[in-house]
Amino acid sequence: MITLQKALHHMSWSNYELFLELASLPDEIYTLRAHEGEWPVGKIFNHFLDAGQWYRYLLTQTPWTENAKIVNAQGLLEMREQLREIDRTLIEALAADDGIIIYTNDSGHEQKTFRSIVLTQAVVHTAEHKGQLATLLRQHGFTIELDKYDVWSLPSKFNTKPLTN
C-alpha cells in the first residue's frame, strides 16, 4: 500500500538540511523581498513554522504559539528544531484513520477536510515555499541548489527501508 510516510520523511529531512544551509548565509537575507509588498525571507521562514503548527493543530488539537520573528541565522536554527518536532508529529499522525476534520476557517466558517489532505498539504506547501525561497534568493545573488534536497538526493537508507525519524 502506498502511503504518505516517505513523502513526509523526505519533507522533514529536506527541511532540516536546507535550513542548515540557509543559516550559513549572511543575516542580510532575512529582509530581502522579491518585490515591494511581498514577504521578506524571514517571514517566509516564519510561515513554514506557522503552517506546521496549524497542520499539527488540525491533526492533534495541540495549540499553536506565537513565534518570534526570524531575523537571523540563530532564529532560523531554533525554528529548524521546532519544525523537526512538528514534522515528527505529522509523521506520527499517519497511524490514525483517515477521518474527517471539522474546523473553523479564518472567515469564521466551519469547514471539513480529511486528515490525509492536511498531511498532503504539508508536503506540497513546504515544496512551494522552498521554490519561492530559492527564486527570491537567486534574484539577490544567493544560489541555493534545491536538487540537493529533492527526493533523488534523499539518503539511500530512506529510499529502501522503513523510515524512522
C-alpha atoms as a PDB file:
ATOM      1  CA  MET A   1       0.000   0.000   0.000  1.00  0.00           C
ATOM      2  CA  ILE A   2       1.279   3.463  -0.880  1.00  0.00           C
ATOM      3  CA  THR A   3       1.181   5.994   1.941  1.00  0.00           C
ATOM      4  CA  LEU A   4       2.442   9.490   2.677  1.00  0.00           C
ATOM      5  CA  GLN A   5       5.096   8.153   5.061  1.00  0.00           C
ATOM      6  CA  LYS A   6       8.062   8.519   2.724  1.00  0.00           C
ATOM      7  CA  ALA A   7       6.872  11.880   1.435  1.00  0.00           C
ATOM      8  CA  LEU A   8       6.623  13.218   4.994  1.00  0.00           C
ATOM      9  CA  HIS A   9      10.030  11.807   5.909  1.00  0.00           C
ATOM     10  CA  HIS A  10      11.538  13.382   2.812  1.00  0.00           C
ATOM     11  CA  MET A  11       9.906  16.712   3.681  1.00  0.00           C
ATOM     12  CA  SER A  12      11.317  16.571   7.206  1.00  0.00           C
ATOM     13  CA  TRP A  13      14.813  15.603   6.022  1.00  0.00           C
ATOM     14  CA  SER A  14      14.932  18.262   3.308  1.00  0.00           C
ATOM     15  CA  ASN A  15      13.588  20.990   5.633  1.00  0.00           C
ATOM     16  CA  TYR A  16      16.238  20.167   8.204  1.00  0.00           C
ATOM     17  CA  GLU A  17      19.139  20.071   5.739  1.00  0.00           C
ATOM     18  CA  LEU A  18      18.068  23.072   3.653  1.00  0.00           C
ATOM     19  CA  PHE A  19      17.572  25.314   6.669  1.00  0.00           C
ATOM     20  CA  LEU A  20      21.044  24.434   7.908  1.00  0.00           C
ATOM     21  CA  GLU A  21      22.474  25.577   4.580  1.00  0.00           C
ATOM     22  CA  LEU A  22      20.358  28.742   4.568  1.00  0.00           C
ATOM     23  CA  ALA A  23      21.549  29.585   8.085  1.00  0.00           C
ATOM     24  CA  SER A  24      25.083  29.847   6.686  1.00  0.00           C
ATOM     25  CA  LEU A  25      24.086  32.816   4.524  1.00  0.00           C
ATOM     26  CA  PRO A  26      24.570  36.388   5.792  1.00  0.00           C
ATOM     27  CA  ASP A  27      21.867  37.848   8.024  1.00  0.00           C
ATOM     28  CA  GLU A  28      21.026  40.391   5.302  1.00  0.00           C
ATOM     29  CA  ILE A  29      18.956  37.714   3.546  1.00  0.00           C
ATOM     30  CA  TYR A  30      16.198  37.840   6.175  1.00  0.00           C
ATOM     31  CA  THR A  31      14.951  41.219   4.923  1.00  0.00           C
ATOM     32  CA  LEU A  32      15.208  40.513   1.184  1.00  0.00           C
ATOM     33  CA  ARG A  33      11.986  40.556  -0.823  1.00  0.00           C
ATOM     34  CA  ALA A  34      11.143  39.533  -4.377  1.00  0.00           C
ATOM     35  CA  HIS A  35       9.237  42.781  -4.830  1.00  0.00           C
ATOM     36  CA  GLU A  36       7.935  45.608  -2.655  1.00  0.00           C
ATOM     37  CA  GLY A  37       4.902  44.365  -0.747  1.00  0.00           C
ATOM     38  CA  GLU A  38       5.996  40.703  -0.881  1.00  0.00           C
ATOM     39  CA  TRP A  39       7.041  38.777   2.194  1.00  0.00           C
ATOM     40  CA  PRO A  40      10.700  39.016   3.180  1.00  0.00           C
ATOM     41  CA  VAL A  41      12.740  35.827   3.570  1.00  0.00           C
ATOM     42  CA  GLY A  42      12.406  35.928   7.373  1.00  0.00           C
ATOM     43  CA  LYS A  43       8.607  35.968   7.164  1.00  0.00           C
ATOM     44  CA  ILE A  44       8.635  33.058   4.726  1.00  0.00           C
ATOM     45  CA  PHE A  45      10.680  31.099   7.278  1.00  0.00           C
ATOM     46  CA  ASN A  46       8.128  32.002   9.948  1.00  0.00           C
ATOM     47  CA  HIS A  47       5.393  30.814   7.615  1.00  0.00           C
ATOM     48  CA  PHE A  48       6.935  27.326   7.490  1.00  0.00           C
ATOM     49  CA  LEU A  49       6.645  27.125  11.269  1.00  0.00           C
ATOM     50  CA  ASP A  50       3.206  28.736  11.487  1.00  0.00           C
ATOM     51  CA  ALA A  51       1.797  26.418   8.816  1.00  0.00           C
ATOM     52  CA  GLY A  52       3.328  23.395  10.546  1.00  0.00           C
ATOM     53  CA  GLN A  53       1.695  24.418  13.801  1.00  0.00           C
ATOM     54  CA  TRP A  54      -1.641  24.810  12.006  1.00  0.00           C
ATOM     55  CA  TYR A  55      -1.407  21.305  10.500  1.00  0.00           C
ATOM     56  CA  ARG A  56      -0.431  19.897  13.893  1.00  0.00           C
ATOM     57  CA  TYR A  57      -3.401  21.670  15.474  1.00  0.00           C
ATOM     58  CA  LEU A  58      -5.811  20.253  12.906  1.00  0.00           C
ATOM     59  CA  LEU A  59      -4.487  16.723  13.467  1.00  0.00           C
ATOM     60  CA  THR A  60      -3.909  16.728  17.240  1.00  0.00           C
ATOM     61  CA  GLN A  61      -5.609  19.828  18.668  1.00  0.00           C
ATOM     62  CA  THR A  62      -2.208  20.949  20.022  1.00  0.00           C
ATOM     63  CA  PRO A  63      -2.481  24.737  20.367  1.00  0.00           C
ATOM     64  CA  TRP A  64      -0.017  26.825  18.452  1.00  0.00           C
ATOM     65  CA  THR A  65       2.074  29.592  19.894  1.00  0.00           C
ATOM     66  CA  GLU A  66       3.245  32.967  18.698  1.00  0.00           C
ATOM     67  CA  ASN A  67       6.731  32.641  17.315  1.00  0.00           C
ATOM     68  CA  ALA A  68       9.492  35.199  17.407  1.00  0.00           C
ATOM     69  CA  LYS A  69      10.199  36.805  14.055  1.00  0.00           C
ATOM     70  CA  ILE A  70      13.067  35.086  12.296  1.00  0.00           C
ATOM     71  CA  VAL A  71      15.590  37.816  11.560  1.00  0.00           C
ATOM     72  CA  ASN A  72      18.921  35.975  11.686  1.00  0.00           C
ATOM     73  CA  ALA A  73      20.597  32.569  11.480  1.00  0.00           C
ATOM     74  CA  GLN A  74      20.126  31.886  15.187  1.00  0.00           C
ATOM     75  CA  GLY A  75      16.365  32.286  14.830  1.00  0.00           C
ATOM     76  CA  LEU A  76      16.356  30.048  11.766  1.00  0.00           C
ATOM     77  CA  LEU A  77      18.279  27.311  13.562  1.00  0.00           C
ATOM     78  CA  GLU A  78      15.862  27.464  16.507  1.00  0.00           C
ATOM     79  CA  MET A  79      12.925  27.287  14.092  1.00  0.00           C
ATOM     80  CA  ARG A  80      14.583  24.319  12.385  1.00  0.00           C
ATOM     81  CA  GLU A  81      14.454  22.349  15.634  1.00  0.00           C
ATOM     82  CA  GLN A  82      10.840  23.340  16.315  1.00  0.00           C
ATOM     83  CA  LEU A  83       9.858  22.366  12.788  1.00  0.00           C
ATOM     84  CA  ARG A  84      11.544  18.988  13.178  1.00  0.00           C
ATOM     85  CA  GLU A  85       9.360  18.281  16.225  1.00  0.00           C
ATOM     86  CA  ILE A  86       6.260  19.297  14.282  1.00  0.00           C
ATOM     87  CA  ASP A  87       7.323  17.094  11.363  1.00  0.00           C
ATOM     88  CA  ARG A  88       7.597  14.146  13.762  1.00  0.00           C
ATOM     89  CA  THR A  89       4.054  14.806  14.931  1.00  0.00           C
ATOM     90  CA  LEU A  90       2.832  14.855  11.326  1.00  0.00           C
ATOM     91  CA  ILE A  91       4.571  11.553  10.646  1.00  0.00           C
ATOM     92  CA  GLU A  92       3.017  10.042  13.786  1.00  0.00           C
ATOM     93  CA  ALA A  93      -0.399  11.238  12.565  1.00  0.00           C
ATOM     94  CA  LEU A  94      -0.163   8.669   9.775  1.00  0.00           C
ATOM     95  CA  ALA A  95      -1.106   6.000  12.324  1.00  0.00           C
ATOM     96  CA  ALA A  96      -4.640   7.398  12.689  1.00  0.00           C
ATOM     97  CA  ASP A  97      -7.575   6.582  10.471  1.00  0.00           C
ATOM     98  CA  ASP A  98      -8.250   8.998   7.628  1.00  0.00           C
ATOM     99  CA  GLY A  99     -11.163  10.660   9.342  1.00  0.00           C
ATOM    100  CA  ILE A 100     -12.811  13.973   8.672  1.00  0.00           C
ATOM    101  CA  ILE A 101     -11.555  17.054  10.477  1.00  0.00           C
ATOM    102  CA  ILE A 102     -14.007  19.869  11.191  1.00  0.00           C
ATOM    103  CA  TYR A 103     -12.525  23.294  11.872  1.00  0.00           C
ATOM    104  CA  THR A 104     -13.351  26.975  11.682  1.00  0.00           C
ATOM    105  CA  ASN A 105     -11.539  28.881   8.949  1.00  0.00           C
ATOM    106  CA  ASP A 106     -10.190  32.444   9.140  1.00  0.00           C
ATOM    107  CA  SER A 107     -13.559  33.798   7.966  1.00  0.00           C
ATOM    108  CA  GLY A 108     -15.365  32.084  10.839  1.00  0.00           C
ATOM    109  CA  HIS A 109     -16.985  29.425   8.670  1.00  0.00           C
ATOM    110  CA  GLU A 110     -16.977  25.745   9.501  1.00  0.00           C
ATOM    111  CA  GLN A 111     -15.057  23.595   7.038  1.00  0.00           C
ATOM    112  CA  LYS A 112     -14.371  19.891   6.683  1.00  0.00           C
ATOM    113  CA  THR A 113     -11.414  18.051   5.249  1.00  0.00           C
ATOM    114  CA  PHE A 114      -9.727  14.685   5.529  1.00  0.00           C
ATOM    115  CA  ARG A 115      -6.650  14.067   7.663  1.00  0.00           C
ATOM    116  CA  SER A 116      -4.859  12.810   4.529  1.00  0.00           C
ATOM    117  CA  ILE A 117      -5.495  16.137   2.798  1.00  0.00           C
ATOM    118  CA  VAL A 118      -3.884  18.027   5.695  1.00  0.00           C
ATOM    119  CA  LEU A 119      -0.805  15.787   5.520  1.00  0.00           C
ATOM    120  CA  THR A 120      -0.633  16.112   1.728  1.00  0.00           C
ATOM    121  CA  GLN A 121      -0.920  19.887   2.048  1.00  0.00           C
ATOM    122  CA  ALA A 122       2.018  19.897   4.479  1.00  0.00           C
ATOM    123  CA  VAL A 123       4.270  18.260   1.868  1.00  0.00           C
ATOM    124  CA  VAL A 124       3.064  20.336  -1.086  1.00  0.00           C
ATOM    125  CA  HIS A 125       3.039  23.634   0.782  1.00  0.00           C
ATOM    126  CA  THR A 126       6.600  23.135   2.012  1.00  0.00           C
ATOM    127  CA  ALA A 127       7.808  22.404  -1.524  1.00  0.00           C
ATOM    128  CA  GLU A 128       6.091  25.532  -2.846  1.00  0.00           C
ATOM    129  CA  HIS A 129       7.838  27.781  -0.355  1.00  0.00           C
ATOM    130  CA  LYS A 130      11.239  26.158  -0.856  1.00  0.00           C
ATOM    131  CA  GLY A 131      10.944  27.101  -4.519  1.00  0.00           C
ATOM    132  CA  GLN A 132       9.864  30.600  -3.540  1.00  0.00           C
ATOM    133  CA  LEU A 133      12.898  30.989  -1.271  1.00  0.00           C
ATOM    134  CA  ALA A 134      15.339  29.677  -3.885  1.00  0.00           C
ATOM    135  CA  THR A 135      13.966  32.040  -6.529  1.00  0.00           C
ATOM    136  CA  LEU A 136      13.935  35.055  -4.215  1.00  0.00           C
ATOM    137  CA  LEU A 137      17.482  34.420  -3.035  1.00  0.00           C
ATOM    138  CA  ARG A 138      18.750  33.884  -6.584  1.00  0.00           C
ATOM    139  CA  GLN A 139      17.195  37.210  -7.546  1.00  0.00           C
ATOM    140  CA  HIS A 140      19.502  38.794  -4.945  1.00  0.00           C
ATOM    141  CA  GLY A 141      22.642  36.851  -5.905  1.00  0.00           C
ATOM    142  CA  PHE A 142      22.433  33.888  -3.498  1.00  0.00           C
ATOM    143  CA  THR A 143      22.222  30.454  -5.099  1.00  0.00           C
ATOM    144  CA  ILE A 144      20.577  27.533  -3.361  1.00  0.00           C
ATOM    145  CA  GLU A 145      20.573  24.283  -5.334  1.00  0.00           C
ATOM    146  CA  LEU A 146      17.302  22.620  -4.391  1.00  0.00           C
ATOM    147  CA  ASP A 147      18.327  19.464  -6.258  1.00  0.00           C
ATOM    148  CA  LYS A 148      20.460  18.593  -3.218  1.00  0.00           C
ATOM    149  CA  TYR A 149      17.237  18.281  -1.258  1.00  0.00           C
ATOM    150  CA  ASP A 150      14.961  16.571  -3.755  1.00  0.00           C
ATOM    151  CA  VAL A 151      13.706  13.023  -3.469  1.00  0.00           C
ATOM    152  CA  TRP A 152      16.571  11.682  -5.586  1.00  0.00           C
ATOM    153  CA  SER A 153      19.086  13.054  -3.072  1.00  0.00           C
ATOM    154  CA  LEU A 154      17.416  11.564  -0.035  1.00  0.00           C
ATOM    155  CA  PRO A 155      19.929   9.251   1.651  1.00  0.00           C
ATOM    156  CA  SER A 156      19.519   5.761   0.234  1.00  0.00           C
ATOM    157  CA  LYS A 157      18.679   4.294   3.644  1.00  0.00           C
ATOM    158  CA  PHE A 158      15.410   6.240   3.440  1.00  0.00           C
ATOM    159  CA  ASN A 159      14.647   5.048  -0.061  1.00  0.00           C
ATOM    160  CA  THR A 160      14.950   1.341   0.667  1.00  0.00           C
ATOM    161  CA  LYS A 161      13.942   0.729   4.289  1.00  0.00           C
ATOM    162  CA  PRO A 162      11.045   1.652   6.535  1.00  0.00           C
ATOM    163  CA  LEU A 163      11.672   5.105   7.894  1.00  0.00           C
ATOM    164  CA  THR A 164      12.171   6.337  11.409  1.00  0.00           C
ATOM    165  CA  ASN A 165      12.859   9.930  12.280  1.00  0.00           C
END
